[in-house]
Each structure stands twice: as C-alpha cells, then as structure tokens.
Amino acid sequence: MKEKMLKVKENRIVSYFMPLLIMVIVVLVFAVWTQGRFVRSKNLMMILNQAIILGLVATGAVIIFSTSRISAAMGGSTAMACIIGTYAFLATDSPVAMILGCIGGGLLIMLVTIGLSKILHMDVMILSMIFMTLLMAIQEWVLDGGKILSLDHGTMKSLEKMNLPLILCLVFLAAAAVLFEFSKFGRQLKMIGSNETCARQNGINAQKMLTKAFLLAGVAVGLGSAVILIRSASISQFTANSLNMDAMLAVVLGGTPIRGGTRSKILSGIWGALTVSMLTNGLSMAGIDAIWIQAVRGVFFIVVIALSDKRSEILN
C-alpha cells in the first residue's frame, strides 16, 4: 500500500492536477457551508483581488524554492518595500517613483539576503528567519508603534480604476513564466534545486544563478508591495504581516515541492494564492474566529508538506 501511494505521489500528472483538485474541493466545501454565498460573483471577485498580492509574492517564493532554498521573510520584505515605496511617493508625489521605490526595496532586501548568506556561510532559511524578526522590528520602529503612513487616496484610486494591480501581476507572471519554464535560466535553477553538486559539475555557476533568482523574487516582492499601496493607500505596522506564512503555504498548495527541483512550477504561486485566499475567505464567511483560521492554515501547511514529493535518495 505504501509503495502504491508513493507511485501516485510521484506521478507527474497527479502532481500537476492536484492543486486544481484541492481548489475545487475548497470551493465545493465552502459553497455548501455558506449556502451559496461563497460562490457569488462579488465574493469571487474579492478573492481574486486578494489573491493578486499573494500571487505575486508567492511566485517570487516559488523561484527561490526551486533552488532548494526557503525564505521565511517574504512578508517582512514586502512590508519593507512598502515603506520605501511610500516614502518615495511622499517625496515626489509620483506613482512611478512609488512603484520604482517598491521594486528597488524588494531588490535591495533580496540582494542583501543572498549576499549575507554567501559571506556568512549561513543557510538562507536561518538567515531569512532572522530577517523576518528584524524587518518586523524596523517596520514597527518606522511606524512608531501604531502610526499610519497615508498616500494620496485619489491618486491610488485612479491607479486601481486603471486595473494597474492586475496589469502588473499579468505582466510579471508572463515574463516569469517565459524565463522559468521555457529558458535556460529556469532549467538551471531547477537543476540546482535537484542536485547542486551535479549542477556545478555541469558548469553552472550556482552562486550567480542564486543571485539572479533572488533578484527576480525581489521584483515580485516589489510589485506585490506596490499593489498593496495602490489598494490601501496607506501602510501600518500590520501591513503584510500574514504574508510570511501565506506565501509558503501558497507555494506548497500550488504544487511546488518544499525542496524545489524539477517539479517546481511557476503557476504554483497563483494556484496556491487562489486556494489560500479562498480558504481564508471561506472560513471567515463561515464565522470562524481569526485565531482558528490561522490554526487551520497551519494544519494545511503541515499536511501538504507531509504529502509532498520527496526527491530520490540519489539526489541527496
């Protein structure tokens, strides 16, 4: 029985369609639980809007995960990019400066992360956990324990009416899909995730590729933070707080193994983001307390990791 289960888990077709099956199950469960309110067009549009931010950040996480690295500070990085983008807007009153500030902040944080990992010979996961705490402390310090930085509401509203959040998401996803799924860049990242020693022996400069992967993830974080500012026209000490766990949960629910490698899929970020947004929204509509919603998401994370594919022992 155990061998049969392993064969099912390792089947590529099953692996590819499992995220979609999970999403369908979530939709059906909450459609029944909420007596149809969950599948109303207004609520589904709300879920889509929520998923855009998480989808961008989770897509950046997929790129990092594919190299067998894990960043636990995607939320903290997004919040810090929001702060930089906000000050860029307040200094210039320019939406372009805001977006460039957000992207620049995301790039800077990711570059520092991978740079320190190399210099200190420290695992990215451990370093990102330190960064998670540090970035939250900086966020609280900058916002003075409760201050809210506001942007011009009219300007942000006009950007939202132009569907800029959706446009930014689609443009980045299209570019990331081409790079990750159909280019040498993506193949090399997945090879590093599957077997870094083998990748080095085949002439791949692992450190150079890792830096590129983290920079691309930094762009995703920056765009995600820009969408947050457009949507909320403000930032507080609670901004992006849940993204740390949600991004990792979205990656694994979307079908990318926790240890990356050849089965990493760029669409994992979007599939996972939709599922996480549906899960949160459905539980909230069902009247579940916020604390229990966090608990349920944590259980989902543990279960999905336990059921995720394991690489061959030869590759370890």
C-alpha atoms as a PDB file:
ATOM      1  CA  MET A   1       0.000   0.000   0.000  1.00  0.00           C
ATOM      2  CA  LYS A   2       2.818   2.387   0.890  1.00  0.00           C
ATOM      3  CA  GLU A   3       4.546   1.734  -2.433  1.00  0.00           C
ATOM      4  CA  LYS A   4       1.313   2.376  -4.334  1.00  0.00           C
ATOM      5  CA  MET A   5       0.840   5.669  -2.503  1.00  0.00           C
ATOM      6  CA  LEU A   6       4.386   6.721  -3.345  1.00  0.00           C
ATOM      7  CA  LYS A   7       3.806   5.918  -7.018  1.00  0.00           C
ATOM      8  CA  VAL A   8       0.675   8.060  -7.009  1.00  0.00           C
ATOM      9  CA  LYS A   9       2.557  10.938  -5.377  1.00  0.00           C
ATOM     10  CA  GLU A  10       5.401  10.669  -7.888  1.00  0.00           C
ATOM     11  CA  ASN A  11       3.091  10.585 -10.916  1.00  0.00           C
ATOM     12  CA  ARG A  12       3.618  13.850 -12.821  1.00  0.00           C
ATOM     13  CA  ILE A  13       0.010  14.046 -13.994  1.00  0.00           C
ATOM     14  CA  VAL A  14      -1.271  13.664 -10.435  1.00  0.00           C
ATOM     15  CA  SER A  15       1.274  16.224  -9.251  1.00  0.00           C
ATOM     16  CA  TYR A  16       0.206  18.696 -11.942  1.00  0.00           C
ATOM     17  CA  PHE A  17      -3.550  18.470 -11.355  1.00  0.00           C
ATOM     18  CA  MET A  18      -3.545  18.009  -7.562  1.00  0.00           C
ATOM     19  CA  PRO A  19      -3.526  21.791  -6.838  1.00  0.00           C
ATOM     20  CA  LEU A  20      -6.548  22.229  -9.099  1.00  0.00           C
ATOM     21  CA  LEU A  21      -8.324  19.350  -7.345  1.00  0.00           C
ATOM     22  CA  ILE A  22      -7.619  20.899  -3.933  1.00  0.00           C
ATOM     23  CA  MET A  23      -9.005  24.220  -5.163  1.00  0.00           C
ATOM     24  CA  VAL A  24     -12.185  22.577  -6.490  1.00  0.00           C
ATOM     25  CA  ILE A  25     -12.698  20.776  -3.169  1.00  0.00           C
ATOM     26  CA  VAL A  26     -12.266  24.038  -1.246  1.00  0.00           C
ATOM     27  CA  VAL A  27     -14.827  25.778  -3.497  1.00  0.00           C
ATOM     28  CA  LEU A  28     -17.369  22.967  -3.121  1.00  0.00           C
ATOM     29  CA  VAL A  29     -16.968  22.721   0.655  1.00  0.00           C
ATOM     30  CA  PHE A  30     -17.437  26.457   1.244  1.00  0.00           C
ATOM     31  CA  ALA A  31     -20.228  26.753  -1.346  1.00  0.00           C
ATOM     32  CA  VAL A  32     -22.212  24.228   0.688  1.00  0.00           C
ATOM     33  CA  TRP A  33     -21.072  25.534   4.093  1.00  0.00           C
ATOM     34  CA  THR A  34     -22.070  29.148   3.307  1.00  0.00           C
ATOM     35  CA  GLN A  35     -25.261  28.154   1.459  1.00  0.00           C
ATOM     36  CA  GLY A  36     -24.017  29.530  -1.840  1.00  0.00           C
ATOM     37  CA  ARG A  37     -22.769  32.917  -0.593  1.00  0.00           C
ATOM     38  CA  PHE A  38     -19.179  31.872  -1.192  1.00  0.00           C
ATOM     39  CA  VAL A  39     -19.609  31.466  -4.970  1.00  0.00           C
ATOM     40  CA  ARG A  40     -21.421  34.746  -5.575  1.00  0.00           C
ATOM     41  CA  SER A  41     -19.668  36.863  -8.194  1.00  0.00           C
ATOM     42  CA  LYS A  42     -18.954  39.728  -5.773  1.00  0.00           C
ATOM     43  CA  ASN A  43     -17.231  37.411  -3.305  1.00  0.00           C
ATOM     44  CA  LEU A  44     -15.257  35.612  -6.015  1.00  0.00           C
ATOM     45  CA  MET A  45     -14.027  38.978  -7.306  1.00  0.00           C
ATOM     46  CA  MET A  46     -12.957  39.863  -3.763  1.00  0.00           C
ATOM     47  CA  ILE A  47     -10.998  36.603  -3.545  1.00  0.00           C
ATOM     48  CA  LEU A  48      -9.308  37.343  -6.887  1.00  0.00           C
ATOM     49  CA  ASN A  49      -8.284  40.807  -5.693  1.00  0.00           C
ATOM     50  CA  GLN A  50      -6.846  39.346  -2.502  1.00  0.00           C
ATOM     51  CA  ALA A  51      -5.003  36.667  -4.464  1.00  0.00           C
ATOM     52  CA  ILE A  52      -3.196  39.153  -6.715  1.00  0.00           C
ATOM     53  CA  ILE A  53      -0.922  40.393  -3.922  1.00  0.00           C
ATOM     54  CA  LEU A  54      -0.274  36.942  -2.511  1.00  0.00           C
ATOM     55  CA  GLY A  55       0.158  35.526  -6.019  1.00  0.00           C
ATOM     56  CA  LEU A  56       2.941  37.983  -6.831  1.00  0.00           C
ATOM     57  CA  VAL A  57       4.813  37.361  -3.580  1.00  0.00           C
ATOM     58  CA  ALA A  58       4.258  33.593  -3.744  1.00  0.00           C
ATOM     59  CA  THR A  59       5.556  33.496  -7.328  1.00  0.00           C
ATOM     60  CA  GLY A  60       8.745  35.102  -6.066  1.00  0.00           C
ATOM     61  CA  ALA A  61       8.857  32.443  -3.348  1.00  0.00           C
ATOM     62  CA  VAL A  62       8.468  29.678  -5.986  1.00  0.00           C
ATOM     63  CA  ILE A  63      11.563  30.970  -7.778  1.00  0.00           C
ATOM     64  CA  ILE A  64      13.521  30.795  -4.512  1.00  0.00           C
ATOM     65  CA  PHE A  65      12.063  27.408  -3.540  1.00  0.00           C
ATOM     66  CA  SER A  66      13.053  25.948  -6.903  1.00  0.00           C
ATOM     67  CA  THR A  67      16.717  26.281  -5.904  1.00  0.00           C
ATOM     68  CA  SER A  68      16.080  24.260  -2.720  1.00  0.00           C
ATOM     69  CA  ARG A  69      16.274  27.455  -0.649  1.00  0.00           C
ATOM     70  CA  ILE A  70      13.471  28.728   1.554  1.00  0.00           C
ATOM     71  CA  SER A  71      12.794  32.319   2.516  1.00  0.00           C
ATOM     72  CA  ALA A  72      10.610  32.804   5.579  1.00  0.00           C
ATOM     73  CA  ALA A  73      10.706  36.606   5.307  1.00  0.00           C
ATOM     74  CA  MET A  74       8.627  37.258   2.182  1.00  0.00           C
ATOM     75  CA  GLY A  75       6.060  39.176   4.228  1.00  0.00           C
ATOM     76  CA  GLY A  76       8.646  41.255   6.064  1.00  0.00           C
ATOM     77  CA  SER A  77      10.414  42.002   2.786  1.00  0.00           C
ATOM     78  CA  THR A  78       7.115  43.112   1.239  1.00  0.00           C
ATOM     79  CA  ALA A  79       6.324  45.397   4.176  1.00  0.00           C
ATOM     80  CA  MET A  80       9.776  46.989   3.980  1.00  0.00           C
ATOM     81  CA  ALA A  81       9.367  47.534   0.223  1.00  0.00           C
ATOM     82  CA  CYS A  82       6.004  49.177   1.012  1.00  0.00           C
ATOM     83  CA  ILE A  83       7.728  51.593   3.406  1.00  0.00           C
ATOM     84  CA  ILE A  84      10.379  52.519   0.842  1.00  0.00           C
ATOM     85  CA  GLY A  85       7.745  52.946  -1.868  1.00  0.00           C
ATOM     86  CA  THR A  86       5.610  55.100   0.435  1.00  0.00           C
ATOM     87  CA  TYR A  87       8.453  57.481   1.236  1.00  0.00           C
ATOM     88  CA  ALA A  88       9.345  57.627  -2.456  1.00  0.00           C
ATOM     89  CA  PHE A  89       5.782  58.741  -3.211  1.00  0.00           C
ATOM     90  CA  LEU A  90       5.628  61.224  -0.332  1.00  0.00           C
ATOM     91  CA  ALA A  91       8.898  62.799  -1.505  1.00  0.00           C
ATOM     92  CA  THR A  92       7.925  63.091  -5.171  1.00  0.00           C
ATOM     93  CA  ASP A  93       4.118  62.774  -5.319  1.00  0.00           C
ATOM     94  CA  SER A  94       4.742  60.405  -8.250  1.00  0.00           C
ATOM     95  CA  PRO A  95       3.139  56.967  -8.649  1.00  0.00           C
ATOM     96  CA  VAL A  96       6.039  55.960 -10.902  1.00  0.00           C
ATOM     97  CA  ALA A  97       8.521  56.814  -8.143  1.00  0.00           C
ATOM     98  CA  MET A  98       6.410  54.797  -5.717  1.00  0.00           C
ATOM     99  CA  ILE A  99       6.437  51.691  -7.917  1.00  0.00           C
ATOM    100  CA  LEU A 100      10.159  52.044  -8.640  1.00  0.00           C
ATOM    101  CA  GLY A 101      10.799  52.564  -4.919  1.00  0.00           C
ATOM    102  CA  CYS A 102       8.869  49.373  -4.103  1.00  0.00           C
ATOM    103  CA  ILE A 103      10.773  47.368  -6.711  1.00  0.00           C
ATOM    104  CA  GLY A 104      14.082  48.872  -5.606  1.00  0.00           C
ATOM    105  CA  GLY A 105      13.289  47.983  -1.991  1.00  0.00           C
ATOM    106  CA  GLY A 106      12.444  44.400  -2.927  1.00  0.00           C
ATOM    107  CA  LEU A 107      15.641  44.058  -4.958  1.00  0.00           C
ATOM    108  CA  LEU A 108      17.779  45.521  -2.159  1.00  0.00           C
ATOM    109  CA  ILE A 109      16.399  43.223   0.534  1.00  0.00           C
ATOM    110  CA  MET A 110      16.784  40.091  -1.594  1.00  0.00           C
ATOM    111  CA  LEU A 111      20.295  41.083  -2.662  1.00  0.00           C
ATOM    112  CA  VAL A 112      21.295  41.605   0.972  1.00  0.00           C
ATOM    113  CA  THR A 113      19.767  38.240   1.897  1.00  0.00           C
ATOM    114  CA  ILE A 114      21.641  36.187  -0.686  1.00  0.00           C
ATOM    115  CA  GLY A 115      24.815  38.280  -0.215  1.00  0.00           C
ATOM    116  CA  LEU A 116      24.937  37.756   3.544  1.00  0.00           C
ATOM    117  CA  SER A 117      24.153  34.076   3.076  1.00  0.00           C
ATOM    118  CA  LYS A 118      27.313  33.724   0.990  1.00  0.00           C
ATOM    119  CA  ILE A 119      29.512  35.943   3.150  1.00  0.00           C
ATOM    120  CA  LEU A 120      28.441  34.367   6.448  1.00  0.00           C
ATOM    121  CA  HIS A 121      28.153  30.831   5.001  1.00  0.00           C
ATOM    122  CA  MET A 122      24.674  30.708   6.531  1.00  0.00           C
ATOM    123  CA  ASP A 123      21.641  28.805   5.276  1.00  0.00           C
ATOM    124  CA  VAL A 124      19.099  31.125   3.631  1.00  0.00           C
ATOM    125  CA  MET A 125      16.264  29.690   5.725  1.00  0.00           C
ATOM    126  CA  ILE A 126      18.001  30.566   9.002  1.00  0.00           C
ATOM    127  CA  LEU A 127      19.052  33.978   7.736  1.00  0.00           C
ATOM    128  CA  SER A 128      15.542  34.758   6.499  1.00  0.00           C
ATOM    129  CA  MET A 129      14.097  33.869   9.908  1.00  0.00           C
ATOM    130  CA  ILE A 130      16.463  36.408  11.461  1.00  0.00           C
ATOM    131  CA  PHE A 131      15.455  38.899   8.778  1.00  0.00           C
ATOM    132  CA  MET A 132      11.775  38.221   9.470  1.00  0.00           C
ATOM    133  CA  THR A 133      12.162  39.390  13.063  1.00  0.00           C
ATOM    134  CA  LEU A 134      14.492  42.252  12.129  1.00  0.00           C
ATOM    135  CA  LEU A 135      12.251  43.603   9.369  1.00  0.00           C
ATOM    136  CA  MET A 136       9.186  43.467  11.627  1.00  0.00           C
ATOM    137  CA  ALA A 137      11.110  45.443  14.260  1.00  0.00           C
ATOM    138  CA  ILE A 138      12.163  48.039  11.666  1.00  0.00           C
ATOM    139  CA  GLN A 139       8.572  48.277  10.420  1.00  0.00           C
ATOM    140  CA  GLU A 140       7.304  48.917  13.942  1.00  0.00           C
ATOM    141  CA  TRP A 141      10.086  51.431  14.616  1.00  0.00           C
ATOM    142  CA  VAL A 142       9.485  53.390  11.400  1.00  0.00           C
ATOM    143  CA  LEU A 143       5.757  53.486  12.038  1.00  0.00           C
ATOM    144  CA  ASP A 144       6.319  54.423  15.667  1.00  0.00           C
ATOM    145  CA  GLY A 145       4.320  51.539  17.122  1.00  0.00           C
ATOM    146  CA  GLY A 146       0.997  52.467  15.539  1.00  0.00           C
ATOM    147  CA  LYS A 147       1.411  55.382  13.158  1.00  0.00           C
ATOM    148  CA  ILE A 148      -0.192  55.025   9.724  1.00  0.00           C
ATOM    149  CA  LEU A 149       1.503  56.479   6.652  1.00  0.00           C
ATOM    150  CA  SER A 150      -1.087  57.575   4.105  1.00  0.00           C
ATOM    151  CA  LEU A 151      -0.728  58.198   0.394  1.00  0.00           C
ATOM    152  CA  ASP A 152      -2.964  60.360  -1.765  1.00  0.00           C
ATOM    153  CA  HIS A 153      -6.206  58.388  -1.879  1.00  0.00           C
ATOM    154  CA  GLY A 154      -7.367  59.936  -5.160  1.00  0.00           C
ATOM    155  CA  THR A 155      -4.165  59.021  -6.974  1.00  0.00           C
ATOM    156  CA  MET A 156      -4.218  55.449  -5.695  1.00  0.00           C
ATOM    157  CA  LYS A 157      -7.894  55.085  -6.543  1.00  0.00           C
ATOM    158  CA  SER A 158      -7.269  56.218 -10.107  1.00  0.00           C
ATOM    159  CA  LEU A 159      -4.482  53.641 -10.462  1.00  0.00           C
ATOM    160  CA  GLU A 160      -6.832  50.942  -9.204  1.00  0.00           C
ATOM    161  CA  LYS A 161      -9.555  52.013 -11.653  1.00  0.00           C
ATOM    162  CA  MET A 162      -6.989  51.575 -14.438  1.00  0.00           C
ATOM    163  CA  ASN A 163      -6.664  47.937 -13.247  1.00  0.00           C
ATOM    164  CA  LEU A 164      -2.959  48.565 -12.686  1.00  0.00           C
ATOM    165  CA  PRO A 165      -2.685  45.849  -9.979  1.00  0.00           C
ATOM    166  CA  LEU A 166      -3.985  43.206 -12.395  1.00  0.00           C
ATOM    167  CA  ILE A 167      -1.793  44.526 -15.231  1.00  0.00           C
ATOM    168  CA  LEU A 168       1.349  44.420 -13.063  1.00  0.00           C
ATOM    169  CA  CYS A 169       0.500  40.882 -11.979  1.00  0.00           C
ATOM    170  CA  LEU A 170      -0.150  39.585 -15.501  1.00  0.00           C
ATOM    171  CA  VAL A 171       2.953  41.232 -17.000  1.00  0.00           C
ATOM    172  CA  PHE A 172       5.227  39.838 -14.307  1.00  0.00           C
ATOM    173  CA  LEU A 173       3.682  36.361 -14.478  1.00  0.00           C
ATOM    174  CA  ALA A 174       4.063  36.250 -18.256  1.00  0.00           C
ATOM    175  CA  ALA A 175       7.721  37.283 -18.041  1.00  0.00           C
ATOM    176  CA  ALA A 176       8.434  34.906 -15.145  1.00  0.00           C
ATOM    177  CA  ALA A 177       6.721  32.005 -16.943  1.00  0.00           C
ATOM    178  CA  VAL A 178       8.862  32.503 -20.049  1.00  0.00           C
ATOM    179  CA  LEU A 179      12.059  32.735 -18.007  1.00  0.00           C
ATOM    180  CA  PHE A 180      11.244  29.912 -15.613  1.00  0.00           C
ATOM    181  CA  GLU A 181       9.517  27.370 -17.857  1.00  0.00           C
ATOM    182  CA  PHE A 182      10.955  27.963 -21.321  1.00  0.00           C
ATOM    183  CA  SER A 183      14.513  29.226 -20.917  1.00  0.00           C
ATOM    184  CA  LYS A 184      17.939  28.043 -19.873  1.00  0.00           C
ATOM    185  CA  PHE A 185      17.611  30.229 -16.781  1.00  0.00           C
ATOM    186  CA  GLY A 186      14.713  28.208 -15.395  1.00  0.00           C
ATOM    187  CA  ARG A 187      16.260  24.855 -16.242  1.00  0.00           C
ATOM    188  CA  GLN A 188      19.449  25.774 -14.421  1.00  0.00           C
ATOM    189  CA  LEU A 189      17.572  26.929 -11.327  1.00  0.00           C
ATOM    190  CA  LYS A 190      15.666  23.646 -11.175  1.00  0.00           C
ATOM    191  CA  MET A 191      18.879  21.670 -11.692  1.00  0.00           C
ATOM    192  CA  ILE A 192      20.462  23.499  -8.759  1.00  0.00           C
ATOM    193  CA  GLY A 193      17.415  22.632  -6.664  1.00  0.00           C
ATOM    194  CA  SER A 194      17.535  18.969  -7.683  1.00  0.00           C
ATOM    195  CA  ASN A 195      21.255  18.426  -7.267  1.00  0.00           C
ATOM    196  CA  GLU A 196      23.540  21.405  -6.735  1.00  0.00           C
ATOM    197  CA  THR A 197      26.710  19.309  -6.908  1.00  0.00           C
ATOM    198  CA  CYS A 198      25.686  17.907 -10.277  1.00  0.00           C
ATOM    199  CA  ALA A 199      24.788  21.400 -11.474  1.00  0.00           C
ATOM    200  CA  ARG A 200      28.247  22.694 -10.561  1.00  0.00           C
ATOM    201  CA  GLN A 201      29.876  19.772 -12.342  1.00  0.00           C
ATOM    202  CA  ASN A 202      27.922  20.727 -15.454  1.00  0.00           C
ATOM    203  CA  GLY A 203      29.426  24.195 -15.420  1.00  0.00           C
ATOM    204  CA  ILE A 204      26.584  26.084 -13.760  1.00  0.00           C
ATOM    205  CA  ASN A 205      27.710  28.953 -11.544  1.00  0.00           C
ATOM    206  CA  ALA A 206      25.342  28.249  -8.647  1.00  0.00           C
ATOM    207  CA  GLN A 207      26.010  31.471  -6.737  1.00  0.00           C
ATOM    208  CA  LYS A 208      25.453  33.608  -9.823  1.00  0.00           C
ATOM    209  CA  MET A 209      22.185  31.806 -10.609  1.00  0.00           C
ATOM    210  CA  LEU A 210      21.021  32.075  -6.989  1.00  0.00           C
ATOM    211  CA  THR A 211      21.645  35.822  -7.050  1.00  0.00           C
ATOM    212  CA  LYS A 212      19.566  36.132 -10.238  1.00  0.00           C
ATOM    213  CA  ALA A 213      16.791  34.037  -8.687  1.00  0.00           C
ATOM    214  CA  PHE A 214      16.656  36.220  -5.577  1.00  0.00           C
ATOM    215  CA  LEU A 215      16.673  39.404  -7.656  1.00  0.00           C
ATOM    216  CA  LEU A 216      13.742  38.139  -9.725  1.00  0.00           C
ATOM    217  CA  ALA A 217      11.956  37.292  -6.477  1.00  0.00           C
ATOM    218  CA  GLY A 218      12.768  40.834  -5.333  1.00  0.00           C
ATOM    219  CA  VAL A 219      10.908  42.233  -8.338  1.00  0.00           C
ATOM    220  CA  ALA A 220       7.885  40.094  -7.385  1.00  0.00           C
ATOM    221  CA  VAL A 221       8.041  41.384  -3.800  1.00  0.00           C
ATOM    222  CA  GLY A 222       8.332  44.964  -5.046  1.00  0.00           C
ATOM    223  CA  LEU A 223       5.327  44.635  -7.346  1.00  0.00           C
ATOM    224  CA  GLY A 224       3.335  42.974  -4.564  1.00  0.00           C
ATOM    225  CA  SER A 225       4.111  45.878  -2.247  1.00  0.00           C
ATOM    226  CA  ALA A 226       3.118  48.379  -4.947  1.00  0.00           C
ATOM    227  CA  VAL A 227      -0.261  46.649  -5.298  1.00  0.00           C
ATOM    228  CA  ILE A 228      -0.746  46.812  -1.511  1.00  0.00           C
ATOM    229  CA  LEU A 229      -0.160  50.580  -1.561  1.00  0.00           C
ATOM    230  CA  ILE A 230      -2.484  51.080  -4.534  1.00  0.00           C
ATOM    231  CA  ARG A 231      -5.221  49.078  -2.836  1.00  0.00           C
ATOM    232  CA  SER A 232      -4.945  50.502   0.684  1.00  0.00           C
ATOM    233  CA  ALA A 233      -3.365  53.943   0.039  1.00  0.00           C
ATOM    234  CA  SER A 234      -1.647  53.511   3.408  1.00  0.00           C
ATOM    235  CA  ILE A 235       0.736  51.364   5.418  1.00  0.00           C
ATOM    236  CA  SER A 236       0.680  50.382   9.092  1.00  0.00           C
ATOM    237  CA  GLN A 237       2.618  48.073  11.393  1.00  0.00           C
ATOM    238  CA  PHE A 238       0.232  45.257  10.429  1.00  0.00           C
ATOM    239  CA  THR A 239       0.770  45.546   6.671  1.00  0.00           C
ATOM    240  CA  ALA A 240       1.804  42.225   5.069  1.00  0.00           C
ATOM    241  CA  ASN A 241       2.025  40.518   8.488  1.00  0.00           C
ATOM    242  CA  SER A 242       0.368  37.303   7.279  1.00  0.00           C
ATOM    243  CA  LEU A 243       2.358  37.047   4.044  1.00  0.00           C
ATOM    244  CA  ASN A 244       5.264  35.166   5.656  1.00  0.00           C
ATOM    245  CA  MET A 245       3.186  32.038   6.270  1.00  0.00           C
ATOM    246  CA  ASP A 246       0.721  32.608   3.425  1.00  0.00           C
ATOM    247  CA  ALA A 247       3.454  32.753   0.763  1.00  0.00           C
ATOM    248  CA  MET A 248       4.978  29.449   1.868  1.00  0.00           C
ATOM    249  CA  LEU A 249       1.544  27.850   2.165  1.00  0.00           C
ATOM    250  CA  ALA A 250       0.622  29.067  -1.329  1.00  0.00           C
ATOM    251  CA  VAL A 251       3.797  27.589  -2.817  1.00  0.00           C
ATOM    252  CA  VAL A 252       3.219  24.081  -1.457  1.00  0.00           C
ATOM    253  CA  LEU A 253      -0.555  24.147  -2.054  1.00  0.00           C
ATOM    254  CA  GLY A 254       0.215  25.198  -5.614  1.00  0.00           C
ATOM    255  CA  GLY A 255       2.239  22.057  -6.218  1.00  0.00           C
ATOM    256  CA  THR A 256       5.885  23.084  -5.852  1.00  0.00           C
ATOM    257  CA  PRO A 257       7.783  20.689  -3.530  1.00  0.00           C
ATOM    258  CA  ILE A 258       9.176  22.270  -0.390  1.00  0.00           C
ATOM    259  CA  ARG A 259      12.659  21.210  -1.585  1.00  0.00           C
ATOM    260  CA  GLY A 260      12.258  22.603  -5.090  1.00  0.00           C
ATOM    261  CA  GLY A 261      13.890  20.916  -8.064  1.00  0.00           C
ATOM    262  CA  THR A 262      12.493  19.890 -11.432  1.00  0.00           C
ATOM    263  CA  ARG A 263       8.882  19.746 -10.253  1.00  0.00           C
ATOM    264  CA  SER A 264       8.804  23.419  -9.353  1.00  0.00           C
ATOM    265  CA  LYS A 265       6.116  25.238 -11.361  1.00  0.00           C
ATOM    266  CA  ILE A 266       5.791  28.980 -11.798  1.00  0.00           C
ATOM    267  CA  LEU A 267       1.991  28.725 -11.712  1.00  0.00           C
ATOM    268  CA  SER A 268       2.208  27.257  -8.210  1.00  0.00           C
ATOM    269  CA  GLY A 269       2.236  30.763  -6.800  1.00  0.00           C
ATOM    270  CA  ILE A 270      -1.058  31.697  -8.464  1.00  0.00           C
ATOM    271  CA  TRP A 271      -2.870  28.378  -7.858  1.00  0.00           C
ATOM    272  CA  GLY A 272      -1.719  28.415  -4.253  1.00  0.00           C
ATOM    273  CA  ALA A 273      -2.610  32.072  -3.747  1.00  0.00           C
ATOM    274  CA  LEU A 274      -6.139  31.465  -5.004  1.00  0.00           C
ATOM    275  CA  THR A 275      -6.526  28.442  -2.719  1.00  0.00           C
ATOM    276  CA  VAL A 276      -5.202  30.266   0.358  1.00  0.00           C
ATOM    277  CA  SER A 277      -7.408  33.289  -0.370  1.00  0.00           C
ATOM    278  CA  MET A 278     -10.425  31.006  -0.810  1.00  0.00           C
ATOM    279  CA  LEU A 279      -9.603  29.184   2.412  1.00  0.00           C
ATOM    280  CA  THR A 280      -9.274  32.397   4.418  1.00  0.00           C
ATOM    281  CA  ASN A 281     -12.350  33.983   2.869  1.00  0.00           C
ATOM    282  CA  GLY A 282     -14.489  30.858   3.257  1.00  0.00           C
ATOM    283  CA  LEU A 283     -13.571  30.325   6.893  1.00  0.00           C
ATOM    284  CA  SER A 284     -14.262  33.973   7.619  1.00  0.00           C
ATOM    285  CA  MET A 285     -17.678  33.809   5.908  1.00  0.00           C
ATOM    286  CA  ALA A 286     -18.450  30.686   7.929  1.00  0.00           C
ATOM    287  CA  GLY A 287     -17.902  32.680  11.130  1.00  0.00           C
ATOM    288  CA  ILE A 288     -14.638  31.042  12.204  1.00  0.00           C
ATOM    289  CA  ASP A 289     -12.528  33.135  14.571  1.00  0.00           C
ATOM    290  CA  ALA A 290      -9.319  34.650  13.123  1.00  0.00           C
ATOM    291  CA  ILE A 291      -7.148  32.642  15.543  1.00  0.00           C
ATOM    292  CA  TRP A 292      -8.692  29.378  14.350  1.00  0.00           C
ATOM    293  CA  ILE A 293      -8.265  30.446  10.722  1.00  0.00           C
ATOM    294  CA  GLN A 294      -4.533  30.763  11.367  1.00  0.00           C
ATOM    295  CA  ALA A 295      -4.560  27.348  13.010  1.00  0.00           C
ATOM    296  CA  VAL A 296      -6.340  25.754  10.037  1.00  0.00           C
ATOM    297  CA  ARG A 297      -3.847  27.276   7.601  1.00  0.00           C
ATOM    298  CA  GLY A 298      -1.010  25.944   9.728  1.00  0.00           C
ATOM    299  CA  VAL A 299      -2.514  22.443   9.658  1.00  0.00           C
ATOM    300  CA  PHE A 300      -2.916  22.694   5.875  1.00  0.00           C
ATOM    301  CA  PHE A 301       0.752  23.641   5.591  1.00  0.00           C
ATOM    302  CA  ILE A 302       1.918  20.683   7.655  1.00  0.00           C
ATOM    303  CA  VAL A 303      -0.328  18.191   5.832  1.00  0.00           C
ATOM    304  CA  VAL A 304       0.670  19.373   2.355  1.00  0.00           C
ATOM    305  CA  ILE A 305       4.372  19.236   3.210  1.00  0.00           C
ATOM    306  CA  ALA A 306       3.932  15.731   4.614  1.00  0.00           C
ATOM    307  CA  LEU A 307       2.258  14.649   1.376  1.00  0.00           C
ATOM    308  CA  SER A 308       4.621  16.484  -0.965  1.00  0.00           C
ATOM    309  CA  ASP A 309       7.027  14.628  -3.252  1.00  0.00           C
ATOM    310  CA  LYS A 310      10.399  13.542  -1.969  1.00  0.00           C
ATOM    311  CA  ARG A 311      13.412  13.566  -4.170  1.00  0.00           C
ATOM    312  CA  SER A 312      15.264  10.389  -4.878  1.00  0.00           C
ATOM    313  CA  GLU A 313      17.848   9.499  -2.289  1.00  0.00           C
ATOM    314  CA  ILE A 314      20.399   9.547  -5.085  1.00  0.00           C
ATOM    315  CA  LEU A 315      19.967  13.298  -5.341  1.00  0.00           C
ATOM    316  CA  ASN A 316      20.503  13.984  -1.656  1.00  0.00           C
END
